[in-house]
């Protein structure tokens, strides 16, 4: 899941889908990217489990998978809390 977050366009797409479900064309209109590029990013996000797509005739309506976001957050939060107090390796003290 984390690898899919490695491109700024995918973060932008997730932010857009957090507000409302969209079809690819609506995302293309909102982003400075070609339709094929947006489609590839949507495929990456869908395969990683971040979004779901519902086929409606020739169009697919994409939405954020809220349960996936909750799962990712529950995995990430404990690590972030633990690392927040970690000592920094700087100066003469070296690494612990």
PDB file of N, CA and C in Angstrom:
ATOM      1  N   UNK A   1       0.818  -1.202   0.000  1.00  0.00           N
ATOM      2  CA  UNK A   1       0.000   0.000   0.000  1.00  0.00           C
ATOM      3  C   UNK A   1       0.857   1.259   0.000  1.00  0.00           C
ATOM      4  N   UNK A   2       1.933   1.243   0.774  1.00  0.00           N
ATOM      5  CA  UNK A   2       2.758   2.443   0.901  1.00  0.00           C
ATOM      6  C   UNK A   2       3.405   2.828  -0.423  1.00  0.00           C
ATOM      7  N   UNK A   3       3.813   1.847  -1.195  1.00  0.00           N
ATOM      8  CA  UNK A   3       4.473   2.139  -2.474  1.00  0.00           C
ATOM      9  C   UNK A   3       3.566   2.969  -3.385  1.00  0.00           C
ATOM     10  N   UNK A   4       2.285   2.721  -3.342  1.00  0.00           N
ATOM     11  CA  UNK A   4       1.348   3.452  -4.200  1.00  0.00           C
ATOM     12  C   UNK A   4       1.281   4.928  -3.840  1.00  0.00           C
ATOM     13  N   UNK A   5       1.732   5.296  -2.653  1.00  0.00           N
ATOM     14  CA  UNK A   5       1.704   6.694  -2.222  1.00  0.00           C
ATOM     15  C   UNK A   5       2.949   7.453  -2.670  1.00  0.00           C
ATOM     16  N   UNK A   6       3.825   6.796  -3.420  1.00  0.00           N
ATOM     17  CA  UNK A   6       5.108   7.374  -3.781  1.00  0.00           C
ATOM     18  C   UNK A   6       5.091   8.408  -4.891  1.00  0.00           C
ATOM     19  N   UNK A   7       3.956   8.695  -5.464  1.00  0.00           N
ATOM     20  CA  UNK A   7       3.884   9.689  -6.537  1.00  0.00           C
ATOM     21  C   UNK A   7       2.923  10.801  -6.124  1.00  0.00           C
ATOM     22  N   UNK A   8       3.347  12.063  -6.272  1.00  0.00           N
ATOM     23  CA  UNK A   8       2.477  13.175  -5.848  1.00  0.00           C
ATOM     24  C   UNK A   8       1.119  13.199  -6.547  1.00  0.00           C
ATOM     25  N   UNK A   9       1.057  12.753  -7.788  1.00  0.00           N
ATOM     26  CA  UNK A   9      -0.237  12.739  -8.489  1.00  0.00           C
ATOM     27  C   UNK A   9      -1.205  11.776  -7.816  1.00  0.00           C
ATOM     28  N   UNK A  10      -0.706  10.660  -7.310  1.00  0.00           N
ATOM     29  CA  UNK A  10      -1.592   9.699  -6.640  1.00  0.00           C
ATOM     30  C   UNK A  10      -2.103  10.265  -5.318  1.00  0.00           C
ATOM     31  N   UNK A  11      -1.272  11.030  -4.630  1.00  0.00           N
ATOM     32  CA  UNK A  11      -1.730  11.698  -3.402  1.00  0.00           C
ATOM     33  C   UNK A  11      -2.839  12.690  -3.752  1.00  0.00           C
ATOM     34  N   UNK A  12      -2.647  13.441  -4.820  1.00  0.00           N
ATOM     35  CA  UNK A  12      -3.665  14.407  -5.260  1.00  0.00           C
ATOM     36  C   UNK A  12      -4.963  13.697  -5.624  1.00  0.00           C
ATOM     37  N   UNK A  13      -4.860  12.573  -6.300  1.00  0.00           N
ATOM     38  CA  UNK A  13      -6.055  11.800  -6.666  1.00  0.00           C
ATOM     39  C   UNK A  13      -6.766  11.302  -5.413  1.00  0.00           C
ATOM     40  N   UNK A  14      -6.011  10.790  -4.448  1.00  0.00           N
ATOM     41  CA  UNK A  14      -6.632  10.324  -3.201  1.00  0.00           C
ATOM     42  C   UNK A  14      -7.329  11.464  -2.472  1.00  0.00           C
ATOM     43  N   UNK A  15      -6.710  12.623  -2.458  1.00  0.00           N
ATOM     44  CA  UNK A  15      -7.352  13.787  -1.813  1.00  0.00           C
ATOM     45  C   UNK A  15      -8.656  14.144  -2.514  1.00  0.00           C
ATOM     46  N   UNK A  16      -8.645  14.088  -3.834  1.00  0.00           N
ATOM     47  CA  UNK A  16      -9.871  14.394  -4.586  1.00  0.00           C
ATOM     48  C   UNK A  16     -10.954  13.368  -4.280  1.00  0.00           C
ATOM     49  N   UNK A  17     -10.567  12.094  -4.223  1.00  0.00           N
ATOM     50  CA  UNK A  17     -11.553  11.042  -3.971  1.00  0.00           C
ATOM     51  C   UNK A  17     -12.021  11.024  -2.518  1.00  0.00           C
ATOM     52  N   UNK A  18     -11.251  11.609  -1.618  1.00  0.00           N
ATOM     53  CA  UNK A  18     -11.686  11.699  -0.221  1.00  0.00           C
ATOM     54  C   UNK A  18     -12.880  12.638  -0.095  1.00  0.00           C
ATOM     55  N   UNK A  19     -12.999  13.583  -1.019  1.00  0.00           N
ATOM     56  CA  UNK A  19     -14.106  14.526  -0.987  1.00  0.00           C
ATOM     57  C   UNK A  19     -15.354  14.006  -1.664  1.00  0.00           C
ATOM     58  N   UNK A  20     -15.173  13.236  -2.732  1.00  0.00           N
ATOM     59  CA  UNK A  20     -16.319  12.705  -3.468  1.00  0.00           C
ATOM     60  C   UNK A  20     -15.853  11.663  -4.462  1.00  0.00           C
ATOM     61  N   UNK A  21     -16.747  10.786  -4.846  1.00  0.00           N
ATOM     62  CA  UNK A  21     -16.455   9.801  -5.884  1.00  0.00           C
ATOM     63  C   UNK A  21     -16.373  10.514  -7.229  1.00  0.00           C
ATOM     64  N   UNK A  22     -15.516  10.022  -8.102  1.00  0.00           N
ATOM     65  CA  UNK A  22     -15.321  10.657  -9.407  1.00  0.00           C
ATOM     66  C   UNK A  22     -15.117   9.606 -10.483  1.00  0.00           C
ATOM     67  N   UNK A  23     -15.416   9.988 -11.705  1.00  0.00           N
ATOM     68  CA  UNK A  23     -15.023   9.178 -12.852  1.00  0.00           C
ATOM     69  C   UNK A  23     -13.697   9.739 -13.361  1.00  0.00           C
ATOM     70  N   UNK A  24     -13.001   8.966 -14.148  1.00  0.00           N
ATOM     71  CA  UNK A  24     -11.677   9.344 -14.623  1.00  0.00           C
ATOM     72  C   UNK A  24     -11.684  10.718 -15.301  1.00  0.00           C
ATOM     73  N   UNK A  25     -12.671  10.974 -16.130  1.00  0.00           N
ATOM     74  CA  UNK A  25     -12.743  12.247 -16.848  1.00  0.00           C
ATOM     75  C   UNK A  25     -12.797  13.449 -15.923  1.00  0.00           C
ATOM     76  N   UNK A  26     -13.479  13.314 -14.799  1.00  0.00           N
ATOM     77  CA  UNK A  26     -13.545  14.417 -13.832  1.00  0.00           C
ATOM     78  C   UNK A  26     -12.177  14.671 -13.218  1.00  0.00           C
ATOM     79  N   UNK A  27     -11.439  13.603 -12.957  1.00  0.00           N
ATOM     80  CA  UNK A  27     -10.089  13.760 -12.421  1.00  0.00           C
ATOM     81  C   UNK A  27      -9.159  14.375 -13.461  1.00  0.00           C
ATOM     82  N   UNK A  28      -9.308  13.960 -14.713  1.00  0.00           N
ATOM     83  CA  UNK A  28      -8.491  14.528 -15.791  1.00  0.00           C
ATOM     84  C   UNK A  28      -8.737  16.025 -15.897  1.00  0.00           C
ATOM     85  N   UNK A  29      -9.996  16.442 -15.779  1.00  0.00           N
ATOM     86  CA  UNK A  29     -10.329  17.867 -15.845  1.00  0.00           C
ATOM     87  C   UNK A  29      -9.706  18.652 -14.696  1.00  0.00           C
ATOM     88  N   UNK A  30      -9.529  17.998 -13.552  1.00  0.00           N
ATOM     89  CA  UNK A  30      -9.016  18.682 -12.365  1.00  0.00           C
ATOM     90  C   UNK A  30      -7.490  18.641 -12.257  1.00  0.00           C
ATOM     91  N   UNK A  31      -6.854  17.768 -13.026  1.00  0.00           N
ATOM     92  CA  UNK A  31      -5.404  17.589 -12.923  1.00  0.00           C
ATOM     93  C   UNK A  31      -4.709  17.959 -14.233  1.00  0.00           C
ATOM     94  N   UNK A  32      -3.470  18.412 -14.138  1.00  0.00           N
ATOM     95  CA  UNK A  32      -2.723  18.729 -15.364  1.00  0.00           C
ATOM     96  C   UNK A  32      -2.044  17.487 -15.950  1.00  0.00           C
ATOM     97  N   UNK A  33      -2.812  16.409 -16.089  1.00  0.00           N
ATOM     98  CA  UNK A  33      -2.271  15.143 -16.568  1.00  0.00           C
ATOM     99  C   UNK A  33      -3.134  14.597 -17.696  1.00  0.00           C
ATOM    100  N   UNK A  34      -2.515  13.834 -18.564  1.00  0.00           N
ATOM    101  CA  UNK A  34      -3.243  13.187 -19.656  1.00  0.00           C
ATOM    102  C   UNK A  34      -4.159  12.102 -19.107  1.00  0.00           C
ATOM    103  N   UNK A  35      -5.197  11.789 -19.863  1.00  0.00           N
ATOM    104  CA  UNK A  35      -6.153  10.765 -19.440  1.00  0.00           C
ATOM    105  C   UNK A  35      -5.460   9.430 -19.205  1.00  0.00           C
ATOM    106  N   UNK A  36      -4.524   9.071 -20.072  1.00  0.00           N
ATOM    107  CA  UNK A  36      -3.832   7.787 -19.915  1.00  0.00           C
ATOM    108  C   UNK A  36      -2.996   7.753 -18.636  1.00  0.00           C
ATOM    109  N   UNK A  37      -2.425   8.889 -18.269  1.00  0.00           N
ATOM    110  CA  UNK A  37      -1.622   8.968 -17.040  1.00  0.00           C
ATOM    111  C   UNK A  37      -2.513   8.835 -15.815  1.00  0.00           C
ATOM    112  N   UNK A  38      -3.645   9.527 -15.819  1.00  0.00           N
ATOM    113  CA  UNK A  38      -4.589   9.424 -14.701  1.00  0.00           C
ATOM    114  C   UNK A  38      -5.096   7.989 -14.588  1.00  0.00           C
ATOM    115  N   UNK A  39      -5.401   7.366 -15.711  1.00  0.00           N
ATOM    116  CA  UNK A  39      -5.869   5.975 -15.691  1.00  0.00           C
ATOM    117  C   UNK A  39      -4.826   5.044 -15.084  1.00  0.00           C
ATOM    118  N   UNK A  40      -3.561   5.255 -15.425  1.00  0.00           N
ATOM    119  CA  UNK A  40      -2.495   4.421 -14.866  1.00  0.00           C
ATOM    120  C   UNK A  40      -2.392   4.615 -13.354  1.00  0.00           C
ATOM    121  N   UNK A  41      -2.481   5.863 -12.901  1.00  0.00           N
ATOM    122  CA  UNK A  41      -2.432   6.129 -11.460  1.00  0.00           C
ATOM    123  C   UNK A  41      -3.633   5.501 -10.752  1.00  0.00           C
ATOM    124  N   UNK A  42      -4.800   5.572 -11.363  1.00  0.00           N
ATOM    125  CA  UNK A  42      -5.989   4.944 -10.780  1.00  0.00           C
ATOM    126  C   UNK A  42      -5.810   3.433 -10.683  1.00  0.00           C
ATOM    127  N   UNK A  43      -5.234   2.842 -11.707  1.00  0.00           N
ATOM    128  CA  UNK A  43      -4.989   1.395 -11.686  1.00  0.00           C
ATOM    129  C   UNK A  43      -4.037   1.029 -10.540  1.00  0.00           C
ATOM    130  N   UNK A  44      -2.973   1.814 -10.382  1.00  0.00           N
ATOM    131  CA  UNK A  44      -2.010   1.566  -9.299  1.00  0.00           C
ATOM    132  C   UNK A  44      -2.685   1.669  -7.941  1.00  0.00           C
ATOM    133  N   UNK A  45      -3.500   2.697  -7.745  1.00  0.00           N
ATOM    134  CA  UNK A  45      -4.197   2.888  -6.468  1.00  0.00           C
ATOM    135  C   UNK A  45      -5.214   1.777  -6.217  1.00  0.00           C
ATOM    136  N   UNK A  46      -5.896   1.350  -7.265  1.00  0.00           N
ATOM    137  CA  UNK A  46      -6.879   0.269  -7.120  1.00  0.00           C
ATOM    138  C   UNK A  46      -6.185  -1.050  -6.785  1.00  0.00           C
ATOM    139  N   UNK A  47      -5.106  -1.358  -7.478  1.00  0.00           N
ATOM    140  CA  UNK A  47      -4.379  -2.603  -7.220  1.00  0.00           C
ATOM    141  C   UNK A  47      -3.756  -2.627  -5.829  1.00  0.00           C
ATOM    142  N   UNK A  48      -3.395  -1.449  -5.312  1.00  0.00           N
ATOM    143  CA  UNK A  48      -2.824  -1.360  -3.966  1.00  0.00           C
ATOM    144  C   UNK A  48      -3.900  -1.396  -2.884  1.00  0.00           C
ATOM    145  N   UNK A  49      -5.161  -1.260  -3.285  1.00  0.00           N
ATOM    146  CA  UNK A  49      -6.259  -1.331  -2.329  1.00  0.00           C
ATOM    147  C   UNK A  49      -6.719  -0.002  -1.768  1.00  0.00           C
ATOM    148  N   UNK A  50      -6.207   1.109  -2.296  1.00  0.00           N
ATOM    149  CA  UNK A  50      -6.592   2.423  -1.785  1.00  0.00           C
ATOM    150  C   UNK A  50      -7.962   2.875  -2.272  1.00  0.00           C
ATOM    151  N   UNK A  51      -8.346   2.453  -3.466  1.00  0.00           N
ATOM    152  CA  UNK A  51      -9.616   2.901  -4.040  1.00  0.00           C
ATOM    153  C   UNK A  51     -10.397   1.707  -4.575  1.00  0.00           C
ATOM    154  N   UNK A  52     -11.674   1.955  -4.798  1.00  0.00           N
ATOM    155  CA  UNK A  52     -12.560   0.970  -5.412  1.00  0.00           C
ATOM    156  C   UNK A  52     -13.169   1.603  -6.649  1.00  0.00           C
ATOM    157  N   UNK A  53     -13.486   0.775  -7.625  1.00  0.00           N
ATOM    158  CA  UNK A  53     -14.128   1.271  -8.830  1.00  0.00           C
ATOM    159  C   UNK A  53     -15.417   0.517  -9.097  1.00  0.00           C
ATOM    160  N   UNK A  54     -16.470   1.259  -9.409  1.00  0.00           N
ATOM    161  CA  UNK A  54     -17.760   0.672  -9.745  1.00  0.00           C
ATOM    162  C   UNK A  54     -18.053   0.982 -11.206  1.00  0.00           C
ATOM    163  N   UNK A  55     -18.226  -0.059 -12.000  1.00  0.00           N
ATOM    164  CA  UNK A  55     -18.481   0.114 -13.430  1.00  0.00           C
ATOM    165  C   UNK A  55     -19.931   0.528 -13.627  1.00  0.00           C
ATOM    166  N   UNK A  56     -20.107   1.590 -14.413  1.00  0.00           N
ATOM    167  CA  UNK A  56     -21.436   2.095 -14.753  1.00  0.00           C
ATOM    168  C   UNK A  56     -21.452   2.330 -16.258  1.00  0.00           C
ATOM    169  N   UNK A  57     -21.809   1.296 -16.997  1.00  0.00           N
ATOM    170  CA  UNK A  57     -21.756   1.395 -18.457  1.00  0.00           C
ATOM    171  C   UNK A  57     -20.309   1.515 -18.909  1.00  0.00           C
ATOM    172  N   UNK A  58     -20.016   2.523 -19.734  1.00  0.00           N
ATOM    173  CA  UNK A  58     -18.642   2.681 -20.218  1.00  0.00           C
ATOM    174  C   UNK A  58     -17.724   3.390 -19.211  1.00  0.00           C
ATOM    175  N   UNK A  59     -18.292   3.840 -18.109  1.00  0.00           N
ATOM    176  CA  UNK A  59     -17.512   4.611 -17.133  1.00  0.00           C
ATOM    177  C   UNK A  59     -17.312   3.816 -15.855  1.00  0.00           C
ATOM    178  N   UNK A  60     -16.238   4.148 -15.163  1.00  0.00           N
ATOM    179  CA  UNK A  60     -15.982   3.573 -13.847  1.00  0.00           C
ATOM    180  C   UNK A  60     -15.929   4.716 -12.849  1.00  0.00           C
ATOM    181  N   UNK A  61     -16.724   4.600 -11.808  1.00  0.00           N
ATOM    182  CA  UNK A  61     -16.756   5.607 -10.753  1.00  0.00           C
ATOM    183  C   UNK A  61     -15.828   5.137  -9.637  1.00  0.00           C
ATOM    184  N   UNK A  62     -14.852   5.974  -9.297  1.00  0.00           N
ATOM    185  CA  UNK A  62     -13.859   5.620  -8.286  1.00  0.00           C
ATOM    186  C   UNK A  62     -14.162   6.317  -6.973  1.00  0.00           C
ATOM    187  N   UNK A  63     -13.906   5.602  -5.881  1.00  0.00           N
ATOM    188  CA  UNK A  63     -14.064   6.188  -4.557  1.00  0.00           C
ATOM    189  C   UNK A  63     -12.961   5.663  -3.647  1.00  0.00           C
ATOM    190  N   UNK A  64     -12.683   6.410  -2.616  1.00  0.00           N
ATOM    191  CA  UNK A  64     -11.688   6.030  -1.629  1.00  0.00           C
ATOM    192  C   UNK A  64     -12.202   4.840  -0.832  1.00  0.00           C
ATOM    193  N   UNK A  65     -11.349   3.860  -0.597  1.00  0.00           N
ATOM    194  CA  UNK A  65     -11.709   2.722   0.248  1.00  0.00           C
ATOM    195  C   UNK A  65     -11.406   3.126   1.690  1.00  0.00           C
ATOM    196  N   UNK A  66     -12.414   3.605   2.374  1.00  0.00           N
ATOM    197  CA  UNK A  66     -12.245   4.149   3.725  1.00  0.00           C
ATOM    198  C   UNK A  66     -11.709   3.091   4.686  1.00  0.00           C
ATOM    199  N   UNK A  67     -12.131   1.872   4.523  1.00  0.00           N
ATOM    200  CA  UNK A  67     -11.641   0.802   5.402  1.00  0.00           C
ATOM    201  C   UNK A  67     -10.148   0.567   5.191  1.00  0.00           C
ATOM    202  N   UNK A  68      -9.684   0.676   3.967  1.00  0.00           N
ATOM    203  CA  UNK A  68      -8.246   0.534   3.694  1.00  0.00           C
ATOM    204  C   UNK A  68      -7.459   1.655   4.361  1.00  0.00           C
ATOM    205  N   UNK A  69      -8.004   2.858   4.334  1.00  0.00           N
ATOM    206  CA  UNK A  69      -7.349   3.992   4.992  1.00  0.00           C
ATOM    207  C   UNK A  69      -7.254   3.730   6.492  1.00  0.00           C
ATOM    208  N   UNK A  70      -8.316   3.218   7.074  1.00  0.00           N
ATOM    209  CA  UNK A  70      -8.301   2.899   8.513  1.00  0.00           C
ATOM    210  C   UNK A  70      -7.258   1.835   8.840  1.00  0.00           C
ATOM    211  N   UNK A  71      -7.174   0.801   8.012  1.00  0.00           N
ATOM    212  CA  UNK A  71      -6.182  -0.262   8.240  1.00  0.00           C
ATOM    213  C   UNK A  71      -4.763   0.288   8.156  1.00  0.00           C
ATOM    214  N   UNK A  72      -4.497   1.103   7.140  1.00  0.00           N
ATOM    215  CA  UNK A  72      -3.162   1.671   6.966  1.00  0.00           C
ATOM    216  C   UNK A  72      -2.810   2.563   8.151  1.00  0.00           C
ATOM    217  N   UNK A  73      -3.763   3.361   8.569  1.00  0.00           N
ATOM    218  CA  UNK A  73      -3.534   4.250   9.710  1.00  0.00           C
ATOM    219  C   UNK A  73      -3.235   3.448  10.975  1.00  0.00           C
ATOM    220  N   UNK A  74      -3.960   2.362  11.196  1.00  0.00           N
ATOM    221  CA  UNK A  74      -3.739   1.557  12.403  1.00  0.00           C
ATOM    222  C   UNK A  74      -2.367   0.888  12.378  1.00  0.00           C
ATOM    223  N   UNK A  75      -1.833   0.618  11.206  1.00  0.00           N
ATOM    224  CA  UNK A  75      -0.486   0.063  11.097  1.00  0.00           C
ATOM    225  C   UNK A  75       0.585   1.132  11.290  1.00  0.00           C
ATOM    226  N   UNK A  76       0.328   2.309  10.768  1.00  0.00           N
ATOM    227  CA  UNK A  76       1.329   3.366  10.764  1.00  0.00           C
ATOM    228  C   UNK A  76       1.416   4.142  12.077  1.00  0.00           C
ATOM    229  N   UNK A  77       0.295   4.408  12.714  1.00  0.00           N
ATOM    230  CA  UNK A  77       0.288   5.237  13.923  1.00  0.00           C
ATOM    231  C   UNK A  77       1.210   4.732  15.030  1.00  0.00           C
ATOM    232  N   UNK A  78       1.203   3.445  15.371  1.00  0.00           N
ATOM    233  CA  UNK A  78       2.107   2.989  16.434  1.00  0.00           C
ATOM    234  C   UNK A  78       3.582   3.230  16.106  1.00  0.00           C
ATOM    235  N   UNK A  79       3.961   3.057  14.863  1.00  0.00           N
ATOM    236  CA  UNK A  79       5.350   3.307  14.477  1.00  0.00           C
ATOM    237  C   UNK A  79       5.701   4.779  14.613  1.00  0.00           C
ATOM    238  N   UNK A  80       4.822   5.647  14.163  1.00  0.00           N
ATOM    239  CA  UNK A  80       5.087   7.076  14.246  1.00  0.00           C
ATOM    240  C   UNK A  80       5.203   7.536  15.692  1.00  0.00           C
ATOM    241  N   UNK A  81       4.353   7.015  16.559  1.00  0.00           N
ATOM    242  CA  UNK A  81       4.426   7.373  17.974  1.00  0.00           C
ATOM    243  C   UNK A  81       5.743   6.912  18.582  1.00  0.00           C
ATOM    244  N   UNK A  82       6.170   5.705  18.235  1.00  0.00           N
ATOM    245  CA  UNK A  82       7.426   5.171  18.755  1.00  0.00           C
ATOM    246  C   UNK A  82       8.617   5.981  18.248  1.00  0.00           C
ATOM    247  N   UNK A  83       8.614   6.316  16.981  1.00  0.00           N
ATOM    248  CA  UNK A  83       9.743   7.012  16.379  1.00  0.00           C
ATOM    249  C   UNK A  83       9.809   8.483  16.766  1.00  0.00           C
ATOM    250  N   UNK A  84       8.711   9.061  17.200  1.00  0.00           N
ATOM    251  CA  UNK A  84       8.687  10.482  17.537  1.00  0.00           C
ATOM    252  C   UNK A  84       9.679  10.822  18.644  1.00  0.00           C
ATOM    253  N   UNK A  85       9.944   9.896  19.550  1.00  0.00           N
ATOM    254  CA  UNK A  85      10.871  10.160  20.642  1.00  0.00           C
ATOM    255  C   UNK A  85      12.243   9.559  20.433  1.00  0.00           C
ATOM    256  N   UNK A  86      12.514   9.068  19.231  1.00  0.00           N
ATOM    257  CA  UNK A  86      13.799   8.419  18.960  1.00  0.00           C
ATOM    258  C   UNK A  86      14.928   9.441  18.958  1.00  0.00           C
ATOM    259  N   UNK A  87      16.106   9.049  19.499  1.00  0.00           N
ATOM    260  CA  UNK A  87      17.245   9.969  19.504  1.00  0.00           C
ATOM    261  C   UNK A  87      17.766  10.187  18.086  1.00  0.00           C
ATOM    262  N   UNK A  88      18.344  11.334  17.877  1.00  0.00           N
ATOM    263  CA  UNK A  88      18.894  11.686  16.572  1.00  0.00           C
ATOM    264  C   UNK A  88      20.391  11.385  16.556  1.00  0.00           C
ATOM    265  N   UNK A  89      20.880  10.863  15.464  1.00  0.00           N
ATOM    266  CA  UNK A  89      22.316  10.591  15.301  1.00  0.00           C
ATOM    267  C   UNK A  89      22.984  11.842  14.757  1.00  0.00           C
ATOM    268  N   UNK A  90      23.464  12.698  15.632  1.00  0.00           N
ATOM    269  CA  UNK A  90      24.139  13.904  15.175  1.00  0.00           C
ATOM    270  C   UNK A  90      25.291  14.239  16.111  1.00  0.00           C
ATOM    271  N   UNK A  91      26.209  14.989  15.600  1.00  0.00           N
ATOM    272  CA  UNK A  91      27.345  15.422  16.414  1.00  0.00           C
ATOM    273  C   UNK A  91      28.266  14.273  16.770  1.00  0.00           C
ATOM    274  N   UNK A  92      28.930  14.390  17.921  1.00  0.00           N
ATOM    275  CA  UNK A  92      29.904  13.396  18.365  1.00  0.00           C
ATOM    276  C   UNK A  92      29.262  12.186  19.028  1.00  0.00           C
ATOM    277  N   UNK A  93      27.981  12.267  19.327  1.00  0.00           N
ATOM    278  CA  UNK A  93      27.335  11.184  20.070  1.00  0.00           C
ATOM    279  C   UNK A  93      27.199   9.907  19.250  1.00  0.00           C
ATOM    280  N   UNK A  94      27.168  10.028  17.928  1.00  0.00           N
ATOM    281  CA  UNK A  94      27.041   8.849  17.076  1.00  0.00           C
ATOM    282  C   UNK A  94      25.676   8.207  17.192  1.00  0.00           C
ATOM    283  N   UNK A  95      25.544   7.047  16.578  1.00  0.00           N
ATOM    284  CA  UNK A  95      24.272   6.325  16.598  1.00  0.00           C
ATOM    285  C   UNK A  95      24.194   5.407  17.799  1.00  0.00           C
ATOM    286  N   UNK A  96      22.987   5.225  18.266  1.00  0.00           N
ATOM    287  CA  UNK A  96      22.759   4.353  19.417  1.00  0.00           C
ATOM    288  C   UNK A  96      22.603   2.936  18.937  1.00  0.00           C
TER     289      UNK A  96
END
